[in-house]
Protein backbone atom coordinates (compact mmCIF):
# COMPACT_ATOMS: atom_id res chain seq x y z
CA UNK A 1 -157.79 -169.30 28.15
CA UNK A 2 -154.27 -170.61 28.64
CA UNK A 3 -153.43 -173.36 31.09
CA UNK A 4 -149.87 -174.27 32.04
CA UNK A 5 -148.64 -177.48 33.64
CA UNK A 6 -145.07 -177.88 34.82
CA UNK A 7 -143.13 -181.12 35.25
CA UNK A 8 -139.58 -182.28 35.78
CA UNK A 9 -138.82 -180.99 39.24
CA UNK A 10 -137.17 -183.13 41.87
CA UNK A 11 -134.23 -183.50 44.20
CA UNK A 12 -130.65 -183.45 43.00
CA UNK A 13 -127.21 -182.98 44.47
CA UNK A 14 -125.21 -179.85 43.87
CA UNK A 15 -123.59 -179.91 40.46
CA UNK A 16 -126.37 -181.99 38.98
CA UNK A 17 -128.89 -181.20 36.27
CA UNK A 18 -132.63 -181.12 35.82
CA UNK A 19 -134.88 -180.22 32.92
CA UNK A 20 -138.21 -178.60 33.60
CA UNK A 21 -141.02 -178.74 31.08
CA UNK A 22 -144.17 -176.70 30.79
CA UNK A 23 -147.07 -177.87 28.66
CA UNK A 24 -149.40 -175.12 27.50
CA UNK A 25 -152.97 -175.54 26.39
CA UNK A 26 -154.31 -172.63 24.41
CA UNK A 27 -152.45 -170.43 22.01
CA UNK A 28 -149.08 -169.22 23.31
CA UNK A 29 -146.97 -169.16 20.17
CA UNK A 30 -146.92 -165.37 19.97
CA UNK A 31 -146.56 -164.81 23.70
CA UNK A 32 -143.48 -164.36 25.77
CA UNK A 33 -143.08 -167.23 28.22
CA UNK A 34 -140.94 -167.46 31.29
CA UNK A 35 -139.78 -169.36 34.31
CA UNK A 36 -140.01 -167.87 37.78
CA UNK A 37 -139.02 -169.25 41.14
CA UNK A 38 -139.81 -168.58 44.75
CA UNK A 39 -137.87 -169.87 47.71
CA UNK A 40 -139.33 -169.89 51.25
CA UNK A 41 -139.20 -166.44 52.75
CA UNK A 42 -138.10 -164.82 49.52
CA UNK A 43 -139.83 -162.89 46.80
CA UNK A 44 -140.64 -164.50 43.50
CA UNK A 45 -138.01 -163.79 40.87
CA UNK A 46 -137.89 -164.22 37.15
CA UNK A 47 -135.30 -166.84 36.23
CA UNK A 48 -135.51 -166.78 32.44
CA UNK A 49 -137.87 -165.79 29.68
CA UNK A 50 -138.10 -166.32 25.97
CA UNK A 51 -139.95 -164.37 23.33
CA UNK A 52 -141.94 -165.90 20.51
CA UNK A 53 -138.99 -165.70 18.13
CA UNK A 54 -136.44 -167.15 20.52
CA UNK A 55 -134.95 -164.07 22.13
CA UNK A 56 -134.05 -165.08 25.66
CA UNK A 57 -133.28 -163.36 28.94
CA UNK A 58 -131.72 -164.64 32.14
CA UNK A 59 -131.26 -163.40 35.63
CA UNK A 60 -127.58 -162.97 36.47
CA UNK A 61 -127.43 -165.81 38.98
CA UNK A 62 -128.36 -168.46 36.39
CA UNK A 63 -126.80 -167.10 33.22
CA UNK A 64 -124.41 -169.67 31.78
CA UNK A 65 -125.98 -172.52 33.77
CA UNK A 66 -129.62 -172.48 32.69
CA UNK A 67 -131.05 -172.54 29.18
CA UNK A 68 -134.63 -171.66 28.30
CA UNK A 69 -136.16 -172.95 25.07
CA UNK A 70 -139.54 -173.48 23.51
CA UNK A 71 -141.16 -175.73 20.95
CA UNK A 72 -144.03 -173.74 19.48
CA UNK A 73 -145.24 -176.68 17.43
CA UNK A 74 -145.80 -178.70 20.59
CA UNK A 75 -146.73 -175.81 22.90
CA UNK A 76 -143.87 -176.70 25.23
CA UNK A 77 -141.49 -174.57 27.24
CA UNK A 78 -138.28 -175.96 28.76
CA UNK A 79 -135.70 -174.95 31.31
CA UNK A 80 -132.47 -176.93 31.24
CA UNK A 81 -130.69 -176.42 34.54
CA UNK A 82 -127.05 -177.45 34.85
CA UNK A 83 -124.48 -177.02 37.60
CA UNK A 84 -127.26 -176.67 40.13
CA UNK A 85 -126.51 -175.04 43.45
CA UNK A 86 -128.32 -175.26 46.80
CA UNK A 87 -129.43 -171.65 46.33
CA UNK A 88 -131.41 -172.77 43.27
CA UNK A 89 -133.78 -174.60 45.60
CA UNK A 90 -137.26 -173.17 45.09
CA UNK A 91 -140.68 -173.74 43.63
CA UNK A 92 -140.42 -173.09 39.91
CA UNK A 93 -143.34 -171.67 37.97
CA UNK A 94 -144.04 -171.47 34.28
CA UNK A 95 -145.76 -168.30 33.12
CA UNK A 96 -147.03 -166.81 29.89
CA UNK A 97 -147.56 -163.19 29.01
CA UNK A 98 -150.45 -162.18 26.79
CA UNK A 99 -148.10 -160.24 24.52
CA UNK A 100 -144.74 -160.93 22.82
CA UNK A 101 -143.06 -158.61 25.33
CA UNK A 102 -141.06 -160.23 28.08
CA UNK A 103 -140.75 -157.25 30.37
CA UNK A 104 -144.38 -156.65 31.14
CA UNK A 105 -146.78 -158.61 33.27
CA UNK A 106 -147.48 -162.31 32.96
CA UNK A 107 -151.13 -163.27 32.72
CA UNK A 108 -151.04 -167.04 33.07
CA UNK A 109 -149.32 -169.21 35.66
CA UNK A 110 -148.78 -172.87 36.32
CA UNK A 111 -149.05 -174.55 39.69
CA UNK A 112 -145.32 -174.95 40.12
CA UNK A 113 -142.81 -177.76 40.44
CA UNK A 114 -140.38 -178.11 43.33
CA UNK A 115 -136.64 -178.17 42.77
CA UNK A 116 -134.44 -179.11 45.71
CA UNK A 117 -130.65 -179.06 45.48
CA UNK A 118 -128.67 -180.58 48.32
CA UNK A 119 -125.05 -179.81 49.10
């Protein structure tokens, strides 16, 4: 069983930066892992994902501003968020698939960490 715990959310002004972390218990080294977000009244969307060998994917709205990375030795997943915009405000969730594939379903989810960007 995999458990995921996010940290690093908070409030920041537009243009600022935050780094989210996700600590995984259980074996995730060969799984794709990702960051999702959900704003009030909107559907959850995938922000970024990273395969077990470092191949990464980003949604268009964050490409060039966000960077996803992982430390398999420490079972950690990161999301470095730069040049934040008010539209980035959302609850951010860490998720892990049960396969190396990043375009299937995600089996494990964290509880989320809130990111609020003020203008």
